[in-house]
Amino acid sequence: MANDKKWVITLSNQRPISDVSKDLTKVGLTVDQVLAEIGCVTGTASDDVAKKLRSVPGVADVSPEHNIDIGPPDAEITW
């Protein structure tokens, strides 16, 4: 959808990440990555779906993903 954004979902580690990921998909998140080592899931959804993601058991936080550009090597300004 045109209004979809990328989100980073931080998990509370109270449930298996595979179970939480399945529940996030059921609520409407299009999962991009499951990062088990750091307890995060990334994906795409609308703002309305993001509000619903916060109520999924095992979710600690839902935040918009931000692009980071450190610039080319030897650049004076990196942000």
N, C-alpha and C. Protein backbone atom coordinates (compact mmCIF):
# COMPACT_ATOMS: atom_id res chain seq x y z
N MET A 1 0.83 -1.19 0.00
CA MET A 1 0.00 0.00 0.00
C MET A 1 0.87 1.25 0.00
N ALA A 2 0.30 2.33 -0.49
CA ALA A 2 1.05 3.58 -0.60
C ALA A 2 1.38 4.19 0.76
N ASN A 3 0.58 3.93 1.78
CA ASN A 3 0.79 4.53 3.09
C ASN A 3 1.60 3.65 4.02
N ASP A 4 2.11 2.55 3.53
CA ASP A 4 2.89 1.65 4.38
C ASP A 4 4.25 2.24 4.69
N LYS A 5 4.72 1.92 5.90
CA LYS A 5 6.04 2.35 6.37
C LYS A 5 6.81 1.12 6.83
N LYS A 6 8.10 1.28 6.96
CA LYS A 6 8.92 0.21 7.52
C LYS A 6 8.97 0.38 9.03
N TRP A 7 8.88 -0.74 9.75
CA TRP A 7 8.83 -0.74 11.22
C TRP A 7 9.87 -1.71 11.78
N VAL A 8 10.34 -1.39 12.98
CA VAL A 8 11.21 -2.27 13.74
C VAL A 8 10.44 -2.64 15.00
N ILE A 9 10.22 -3.93 15.19
CA ILE A 9 9.49 -4.43 16.34
C ILE A 9 10.48 -5.12 17.27
N THR A 10 10.60 -4.58 18.47
CA THR A 10 11.49 -5.16 19.47
C THR A 10 10.67 -6.08 20.35
N LEU A 11 11.18 -7.28 20.58
CA LEU A 11 10.44 -8.27 21.34
C LEU A 11 10.88 -8.31 22.79
N SER A 12 9.98 -8.78 23.64
CA SER A 12 10.25 -8.83 25.09
C SER A 12 10.94 -10.11 25.52
N ASN A 13 11.07 -11.05 24.62
CA ASN A 13 11.70 -12.35 24.91
C ASN A 13 10.85 -13.20 25.84
N GLN A 14 9.56 -12.92 25.92
CA GLN A 14 8.65 -13.71 26.74
C GLN A 14 8.02 -14.88 25.97
N ARG A 15 8.13 -14.81 24.65
CA ARG A 15 7.58 -15.87 23.79
C ARG A 15 8.59 -16.16 22.69
N PRO A 16 8.52 -17.34 22.10
CA PRO A 16 9.42 -17.65 20.98
C PRO A 16 9.21 -16.65 19.83
N ILE A 17 10.31 -16.22 19.23
CA ILE A 17 10.24 -15.21 18.17
C ILE A 17 9.43 -15.72 16.98
N SER A 18 9.46 -17.00 16.71
CA SER A 18 8.67 -17.54 15.59
C SER A 18 7.18 -17.38 15.84
N ASP A 19 6.74 -17.57 17.08
CA ASP A 19 5.33 -17.40 17.42
C ASP A 19 4.90 -15.94 17.31
N VAL A 20 5.74 -15.04 17.82
CA VAL A 20 5.42 -13.61 17.75
C VAL A 20 5.39 -13.16 16.29
N SER A 21 6.33 -13.63 15.50
CA SER A 21 6.38 -13.26 14.08
C SER A 21 5.11 -13.69 13.36
N LYS A 22 4.62 -14.89 13.66
CA LYS A 22 3.37 -15.37 13.05
C LYS A 22 2.20 -14.48 13.45
N ASP A 23 2.15 -14.10 14.73
CA ASP A 23 1.07 -13.23 15.21
C ASP A 23 1.14 -11.84 14.57
N LEU A 24 2.35 -11.33 14.38
CA LEU A 24 2.52 -10.03 13.72
C LEU A 24 1.99 -10.07 12.29
N THR A 25 2.24 -11.18 11.62
CA THR A 25 1.74 -11.36 10.26
C THR A 25 0.21 -11.41 10.24
N LYS A 26 -0.37 -12.10 11.21
CA LYS A 26 -1.84 -12.20 11.30
C LYS A 26 -2.47 -10.83 11.49
N VAL A 27 -1.80 -9.95 12.24
CA VAL A 27 -2.32 -8.61 12.50
C VAL A 27 -2.20 -7.72 11.27
N GLY A 28 -1.24 -8.04 10.36
CA GLY A 28 -1.14 -7.28 9.12
C GLY A 28 0.25 -6.82 8.74
N LEU A 29 1.28 -7.19 9.52
CA LEU A 29 2.65 -6.82 9.17
C LEU A 29 3.15 -7.72 8.04
N THR A 30 3.78 -7.12 7.05
CA THR A 30 4.51 -7.88 6.04
C THR A 30 5.94 -8.00 6.56
N VAL A 31 6.30 -9.17 7.05
CA VAL A 31 7.60 -9.37 7.68
C VAL A 31 8.70 -9.37 6.63
N ASP A 32 9.73 -8.55 6.89
CA ASP A 32 10.91 -8.52 6.02
C ASP A 32 12.01 -9.40 6.58
N GLN A 33 12.32 -9.21 7.87
CA GLN A 33 13.40 -9.97 8.50
C GLN A 33 13.01 -10.35 9.92
N VAL A 34 13.44 -11.54 10.32
CA VAL A 34 13.33 -12.00 11.70
C VAL A 34 14.76 -12.08 12.22
N LEU A 35 15.11 -11.20 13.14
CA LEU A 35 16.47 -11.10 13.66
C LEU A 35 16.50 -11.70 15.06
N ALA A 36 16.53 -13.03 15.11
CA ALA A 36 16.44 -13.75 16.38
C ALA A 36 17.57 -13.41 17.33
N GLU A 37 18.76 -13.17 16.79
CA GLU A 37 19.92 -12.91 17.65
C GLU A 37 19.76 -11.66 18.48
N ILE A 38 19.02 -10.68 17.97
CA ILE A 38 18.84 -9.43 18.71
C ILE A 38 17.40 -9.21 19.15
N GLY A 39 16.53 -10.16 18.89
CA GLY A 39 15.14 -10.09 19.35
C GLY A 39 14.31 -9.02 18.66
N CYS A 40 14.47 -8.90 17.34
CA CYS A 40 13.72 -7.91 16.56
C CYS A 40 13.13 -8.53 15.31
N VAL A 41 12.05 -7.92 14.87
CA VAL A 41 11.42 -8.27 13.60
C VAL A 41 11.26 -6.96 12.84
N THR A 42 11.58 -6.96 11.55
CA THR A 42 11.34 -5.78 10.73
C THR A 42 10.28 -6.11 9.70
N GLY A 43 9.55 -5.07 9.30
CA GLY A 43 8.52 -5.30 8.30
C GLY A 43 7.84 -4.02 7.88
N THR A 44 6.81 -4.18 7.05
CA THR A 44 6.09 -3.06 6.47
C THR A 44 4.62 -3.15 6.85
N ALA A 45 4.07 -1.98 7.22
CA ALA A 45 2.65 -1.92 7.59
C ALA A 45 2.21 -0.46 7.62
N SER A 46 0.91 -0.26 7.66
CA SER A 46 0.35 1.09 7.80
C SER A 46 0.44 1.52 9.27
N ASP A 47 0.18 2.80 9.52
CA ASP A 47 0.16 3.32 10.89
C ASP A 47 -0.91 2.62 11.72
N ASP A 48 -2.05 2.34 11.12
CA ASP A 48 -3.14 1.67 11.85
C ASP A 48 -2.74 0.27 12.28
N VAL A 49 -2.06 -0.46 11.39
CA VAL A 49 -1.59 -1.80 11.73
C VAL A 49 -0.52 -1.71 12.82
N ALA A 50 0.37 -0.71 12.74
CA ALA A 50 1.43 -0.55 13.74
C ALA A 50 0.84 -0.40 15.13
N LYS A 51 -0.27 0.30 15.26
CA LYS A 51 -0.93 0.45 16.56
C LYS A 51 -1.37 -0.91 17.09
N LYS A 52 -1.87 -1.77 16.20
CA LYS A 52 -2.32 -3.11 16.59
C LYS A 52 -1.14 -4.00 16.95
N LEU A 53 0.01 -3.79 16.30
CA LEU A 53 1.18 -4.63 16.59
C LEU A 53 1.61 -4.50 18.04
N ARG A 54 1.41 -3.32 18.62
CA ARG A 54 1.81 -3.07 20.01
C ARG A 54 1.06 -3.95 21.01
N SER A 55 -0.11 -4.46 20.60
CA SER A 55 -0.90 -5.28 21.52
C SER A 55 -0.60 -6.77 21.39
N VAL A 56 0.28 -7.15 20.48
CA VAL A 56 0.63 -8.57 20.31
C VAL A 56 1.48 -9.01 21.51
N PRO A 57 1.09 -10.09 22.19
CA PRO A 57 1.89 -10.57 23.31
C PRO A 57 3.33 -10.88 22.88
N GLY A 58 4.28 -10.37 23.64
CA GLY A 58 5.69 -10.58 23.33
C GLY A 58 6.34 -9.38 22.66
N VAL A 59 5.55 -8.36 22.31
CA VAL A 59 6.09 -7.14 21.69
C VAL A 59 6.40 -6.13 22.78
N ALA A 60 7.63 -5.63 22.79
CA ALA A 60 8.04 -4.61 23.75
C ALA A 60 7.95 -3.20 23.16
N ASP A 61 8.21 -3.07 21.84
CA ASP A 61 8.21 -1.75 21.22
C ASP A 61 8.00 -1.88 19.71
N VAL A 62 7.34 -0.87 19.15
CA VAL A 62 7.16 -0.75 17.70
C VAL A 62 7.61 0.65 17.32
N SER A 63 8.65 0.75 16.50
CA SER A 63 9.20 2.05 16.12
C SER A 63 9.38 2.11 14.61
N PRO A 64 9.23 3.32 14.04
CA PRO A 64 9.49 3.44 12.61
C PRO A 64 10.97 3.24 12.32
N GLU A 65 11.27 2.63 11.19
CA GLU A 65 12.65 2.42 10.78
C GLU A 65 13.19 3.71 10.18
N HIS A 66 14.43 4.05 10.53
CA HIS A 66 15.06 5.26 10.02
C HIS A 66 16.26 4.88 9.16
N ASN A 67 16.42 5.57 8.06
CA ASN A 67 17.58 5.34 7.21
C ASN A 67 18.80 6.02 7.82
N ILE A 68 19.93 5.36 7.75
CA ILE A 68 21.18 5.91 8.25
C ILE A 68 22.18 5.91 7.11
N ASP A 69 22.84 7.04 6.93
CA ASP A 69 23.84 7.17 5.88
C ASP A 69 25.10 7.73 6.51
N ILE A 70 26.15 6.95 6.57
CA ILE A 70 27.38 7.41 7.21
C ILE A 70 28.30 8.12 6.22
N GLY A 71 27.90 8.20 4.99
CA GLY A 71 28.68 8.93 4.00
C GLY A 71 29.84 8.12 3.46
N PRO A 72 30.54 8.70 2.50
CA PRO A 72 31.68 8.00 1.90
C PRO A 72 32.89 7.99 2.84
N PRO A 73 33.83 7.09 2.62
CA PRO A 73 35.05 7.08 3.43
C PRO A 73 35.76 8.43 3.35
N ASP A 74 36.36 8.83 4.46
CA ASP A 74 37.11 10.08 4.56
C ASP A 74 36.24 11.33 4.47
N ALA A 75 34.94 11.21 4.58
CA ALA A 75 34.08 12.39 4.58
C ALA A 75 34.22 13.11 5.92
N GLU A 76 34.19 14.43 5.90
CA GLU A 76 34.30 15.20 7.14
C GLU A 76 33.03 15.07 7.98
N ILE A 77 31.88 15.07 7.33
CA ILE A 77 30.60 14.96 8.03
C ILE A 77 30.03 13.59 7.70
N THR A 78 29.67 12.84 8.74
CA THR A 78 29.16 11.49 8.50
C THR A 78 27.67 11.36 8.78
N TRP A 79 27.00 12.37 9.25
CA TRP A 79 25.57 12.25 9.51
C TRP A 79 24.81 13.22 8.71
